[in-house]
Protein backbone atom coordinates (compact mmCIF):
# COMPACT_ATOMS: atom_id res chain seq x y z
CA UNK A 1 -50.56 5.64 -46.64
CA UNK A 2 -51.13 8.08 -43.87
CA UNK A 3 -47.96 9.94 -42.45
CA UNK A 4 -47.44 9.49 -38.52
CA UNK A 5 -48.43 12.43 -36.41
CA UNK A 6 -45.95 15.20 -35.87
CA UNK A 7 -45.59 14.51 -32.26
CA UNK A 8 -44.03 11.11 -32.59
CA UNK A 9 -40.33 11.18 -33.17
CA UNK A 10 -39.28 9.46 -36.45
CA UNK A 11 -37.92 6.07 -36.26
CA UNK A 12 -33.94 6.01 -36.31
CA UNK A 13 -32.16 3.47 -38.09
CA UNK A 14 -29.55 1.92 -35.93
CA UNK A 15 -26.17 0.77 -37.38
CA UNK A 16 -25.38 -2.80 -37.01
CA UNK A 17 -22.66 -3.36 -34.22
CA UNK A 18 -20.82 -6.53 -34.19
CA UNK A 19 -20.92 -8.43 -31.15
CA UNK A 20 -17.85 -7.93 -29.01
CA UNK A 21 -15.07 -10.75 -29.10
CA UNK A 22 -14.39 -12.39 -25.82
CA UNK A 23 -10.92 -11.32 -24.35
CA UNK A 24 -10.10 -15.21 -24.23
CA UNK A 25 -10.68 -15.85 -27.85
CA UNK A 26 -8.80 -12.70 -28.93
CA UNK A 27 -5.58 -13.94 -26.81
CA UNK A 28 -5.94 -17.24 -28.46
CA UNK A 29 -6.14 -15.76 -32.17
CA UNK A 30 -3.19 -13.42 -32.08
CA UNK A 31 0.22 -15.01 -31.71
CA UNK A 32 1.76 -12.36 -29.65
CA UNK A 33 -1.29 -12.10 -27.33
CA UNK A 34 -1.05 -15.92 -27.05
CA UNK A 35 2.40 -15.75 -26.09
CA UNK A 36 1.72 -13.04 -23.49
CA UNK A 37 -1.22 -15.32 -22.02
CA UNK A 38 0.95 -18.20 -21.80
CA UNK A 39 3.53 -16.02 -19.57
CA UNK A 40 0.72 -14.82 -17.52
CA UNK A 41 -0.56 -18.26 -16.80
CA UNK A 42 2.94 -19.32 -16.06
CA UNK A 43 3.25 -16.68 -13.50
CA UNK A 44 0.17 -17.58 -11.88
CA UNK A 45 1.23 -21.29 -11.75
CA UNK A 46 4.43 -20.04 -10.03
CA UNK A 47 2.43 -18.25 -7.38
CA UNK A 48 0.22 -21.25 -6.93
CA UNK A 49 3.17 -23.42 -6.32
CA UNK A 50 4.76 -21.48 -3.58
CA UNK A 51 1.38 -20.48 -1.84
CA UNK A 52 1.38 -23.45 0.63
CA UNK A 53 5.02 -22.22 2.04
CA UNK A 54 3.76 -18.84 2.71
CA UNK A 55 2.82 -18.12 6.56
CA UNK A 56 -0.82 -16.72 7.44
CA UNK A 57 -2.60 -14.34 5.12
CA UNK A 58 0.79 -13.19 3.09
CA UNK A 59 -0.78 -14.67 -0.05
CA UNK A 60 -3.43 -11.79 -0.12
CA UNK A 61 -0.58 -9.33 -0.32
CA UNK A 62 1.03 -10.75 -3.25
CA UNK A 63 0.48 -10.63 -6.85
CA UNK A 64 2.33 -12.62 -9.48
CA UNK A 65 4.48 -10.51 -11.60
CA UNK A 66 6.46 -10.77 -14.75
CA UNK A 67 8.10 -13.86 -15.87
CA UNK A 68 11.20 -13.41 -18.33
CA UNK A 69 14.18 -15.48 -19.26
CA UNK A 70 16.28 -14.25 -16.14
CA UNK A 71 13.46 -15.21 -13.51
CA UNK A 72 10.28 -14.16 -11.98
CA UNK A 73 8.84 -11.31 -10.18
CA UNK A 74 6.91 -11.31 -7.18
CA UNK A 75 4.89 -8.17 -6.49
CA UNK A 76 4.48 -7.37 -2.61
CA UNK A 77 1.86 -4.83 -1.31
CA UNK A 78 4.33 -3.13 1.02
CA UNK A 79 8.03 -3.29 2.38
CA UNK A 80 7.04 -5.29 5.27
CA UNK A 81 5.89 -8.30 3.05
CA UNK A 82 8.63 -7.74 0.78
CA UNK A 83 11.11 -8.15 3.83
CA UNK A 84 9.28 -11.20 4.92
CA UNK A 85 9.66 -12.67 1.33
CA UNK A 86 13.37 -11.99 1.31
CA UNK A 87 13.64 -14.16 4.34
CA UNK A 88 11.68 -17.12 2.65
CA UNK A 89 13.41 -16.86 -0.74
CA UNK A 90 15.54 -19.82 -0.52
CA UNK A 91 12.44 -22.15 0.41
CA UNK A 92 10.36 -20.69 -2.48
CA UNK A 93 12.91 -21.13 -4.90
CA UNK A 94 13.55 -24.64 -3.70
CA UNK A 95 9.82 -25.35 -4.18
CA UNK A 96 9.82 -23.94 -7.50
CA UNK A 97 13.03 -26.21 -8.33
CA UNK A 98 11.31 -29.22 -7.13
CA UNK A 99 8.23 -28.37 -9.51
CA UNK A 100 10.83 -28.14 -12.45
CA UNK A 101 10.75 -24.42 -12.46
CA UNK A 102 14.06 -23.38 -11.59
CA UNK A 103 14.95 -19.65 -11.45
CA UNK A 104 15.51 -16.58 -9.52
CA UNK A 105 12.68 -14.80 -7.89
CA UNK A 106 12.72 -10.98 -7.73
CA UNK A 107 10.74 -9.29 -5.02
CA UNK A 108 9.27 -5.91 -6.17
CA UNK A 109 6.93 -3.39 -4.48
CA UNK A 110 3.52 -2.86 -6.14
CA UNK A 111 3.33 0.83 -7.45
CA UNK A 112 0.19 2.59 -6.36
């Protein structure tokens, strides 16, 4: 068998790399991550419930925050949005209570 010419680079052998696991599959496979995923979804659900009560484009300045035993945090983009939300808190908490999700809403500023 003839040897390849010297000007051709030798063929390299590539290591077999397993295909990556999708994030959703990893979240379901691990018990701790599955619980975290459930809390994230519950937080997003709360934001969807209160969204119709938010005036104008206020929703674009909000993000769902952490959900724990004491309540739910709503993350505001700036102090003006947080002040407006504080005025709406009784209405927002009432909407969550009507949906069977009672609890306190905490307003926090997003850290940049």
